[in-house]
Structure formats: structure tokens, C-alpha cells
Amino acid sequence: METITGYLFSKLMNIGSKSEGPQYFLQQINFDKGEFEKEVVVIKQVELWQEDSQLQVFLGKKVEIEGESTADGIVYKVIGEHTP
């Protein structure tokens, strides 16, 4: 497991389909250097059309995610606010 830091945001995806719902992204930031690295999908743990209640709480905030980076995105185990 690794700790990944960044800014959590979402976009509405699958618009107009039965699977329409939020997709979550992490804007990865190296807070020590103040540098943007990349944007990565955070894989939610609910159906495509549903909001992930654990991620919703942290939208628009700097976060730390404990999880695993995969080819499809970040599979999170624990998410919390980033504390410098």
C-alpha cells in the first residue's frame, strides 16, 4: 500500500445513460515542492451511477489516500484530509 496526496474532485460521466454518475479524480500534487504531477482516476467502491459516500466528504479538499495505483487508477483503502 502507498500514500498518495493531492486534490480530490469529480466530473459527471456517462451522461444520458443509465450509468450517469460522478467519477472521482485526484490531482496529484507534490505539496513539498508545490508542483502539479498528474490527474488520476480514483476508483469508487459503488456502482457507476452512485456517489461514493467516503469520497464525497472530501471533494474539493487536499487529501491523502492510502491504496494501490493500478493501470485503471487508484484503488483506495483509506482517505483523509492532508495535514502538512
Protein backbone atom coordinates (compact mmCIF):
# COMPACT_ATOMS: atom_id res chain seq x y z
CA MET A 1 0.00 0.00 0.00
CA GLU A 2 1.17 3.53 -0.74
CA THR A 3 0.15 7.02 0.37
CA ILE A 4 -0.82 9.36 -2.45
CA THR A 5 -1.54 13.06 -1.90
CA GLY A 6 -3.49 15.55 -3.99
CA TYR A 7 -6.71 17.46 -4.56
CA LEU A 8 -9.93 15.43 -4.94
CA PHE A 9 -12.58 16.48 -7.47
CA SER A 10 -15.29 14.86 -9.57
CA LYS A 11 -16.87 15.07 -13.03
CA LEU A 12 -20.23 13.80 -14.23
CA MET A 13 -19.63 10.84 -16.55
CA ASN A 14 -21.75 8.57 -18.77
CA ILE A 15 -24.13 11.49 -19.35
CA GLY A 16 -27.52 10.48 -20.71
CA SER A 17 -27.12 6.79 -19.88
CA LYS A 18 -28.44 4.67 -17.03
CA SER A 19 -24.88 4.70 -15.66
CA GLU A 20 -24.70 8.52 -15.39
CA GLY A 21 -22.88 9.46 -12.21
CA PRO A 22 -19.79 11.05 -10.72
CA GLN A 23 -16.27 9.90 -11.48
CA TYR A 24 -13.63 10.92 -8.97
CA PHE A 25 -10.16 12.22 -9.80
CA LEU A 26 -7.07 13.04 -7.79
CA GLN A 27 -4.98 15.95 -8.99
CA GLN A 28 -1.68 14.63 -7.71
CA ILE A 29 0.43 17.36 -6.16
CA ASN A 30 3.83 17.23 -4.54
CA PHE A 31 2.97 19.51 -1.62
CA ASP A 32 6.62 19.76 -0.51
CA LYS A 33 7.62 21.27 -3.88
CA GLY A 34 4.24 22.83 -4.69
CA GLU A 35 4.23 21.07 -8.05
CA PHE A 36 1.39 19.51 -10.05
CA GLU A 37 2.20 15.96 -11.16
CA LYS A 38 -0.85 14.45 -12.92
CA GLU A 39 -4.57 13.67 -12.70
CA VAL A 40 -5.57 10.10 -11.88
CA VAL A 41 -8.96 8.36 -11.58
CA VAL A 42 -9.89 7.27 -8.06
CA ILE A 43 -11.88 4.07 -8.41
CA LYS A 44 -15.07 4.31 -6.41
CA GLN A 45 -16.45 1.38 -4.42
CA VAL A 46 -20.08 1.69 -5.55
CA GLU A 47 -22.00 1.33 -8.83
CA LEU A 48 -21.22 3.75 -11.69
CA TRP A 49 -24.36 5.84 -11.14
CA GLN A 50 -23.92 6.16 -7.37
CA GLU A 51 -21.99 8.65 -5.26
CA ASP A 52 -19.24 7.10 -3.14
CA SER A 53 -20.05 8.40 0.34
CA GLN A 54 -16.46 8.05 1.56
CA LEU A 55 -15.11 10.15 -1.32
CA GLN A 56 -17.97 12.71 -1.35
CA VAL A 57 -16.93 14.00 2.07
CA PHE A 58 -13.52 15.03 0.75
CA LEU A 59 -14.48 16.65 -2.57
CA GLY A 60 -12.71 19.96 -3.08
CA LYS A 61 -10.10 19.22 -0.41
CA LYS A 62 -6.44 18.27 -0.23
CA VAL A 63 -6.34 14.59 0.71
CA GLU A 64 -4.11 11.65 1.49
CA ILE A 65 -5.16 8.33 0.04
CA GLU A 66 -3.81 5.01 1.21
CA GLY A 67 -4.23 2.47 -1.54
CA GLU A 68 -2.76 0.98 -4.67
CA SER A 69 -2.01 2.55 -8.05
CA THR A 70 -3.16 0.36 -10.93
CA ALA A 71 -3.42 0.84 -14.70
CA ASP A 72 -7.09 1.82 -14.22
CA GLY A 73 -6.48 4.32 -11.41
CA ILE A 74 -6.10 4.43 -7.64
CA VAL A 75 -7.86 1.72 -5.64
CA TYR A 76 -8.31 3.39 -2.27
CA LYS A 77 -8.50 1.74 1.14
CA VAL A 78 -8.45 4.82 3.37
CA ILE A 79 -8.91 8.51 2.57
CA GLY A 80 -8.40 11.50 4.85
CA GLU A 81 -7.54 15.20 4.79
CA HIS A 82 -3.95 16.10 4.01
CA THR A 83 -2.13 17.50 7.01
CA PRO A 84 1.17 19.24 6.25
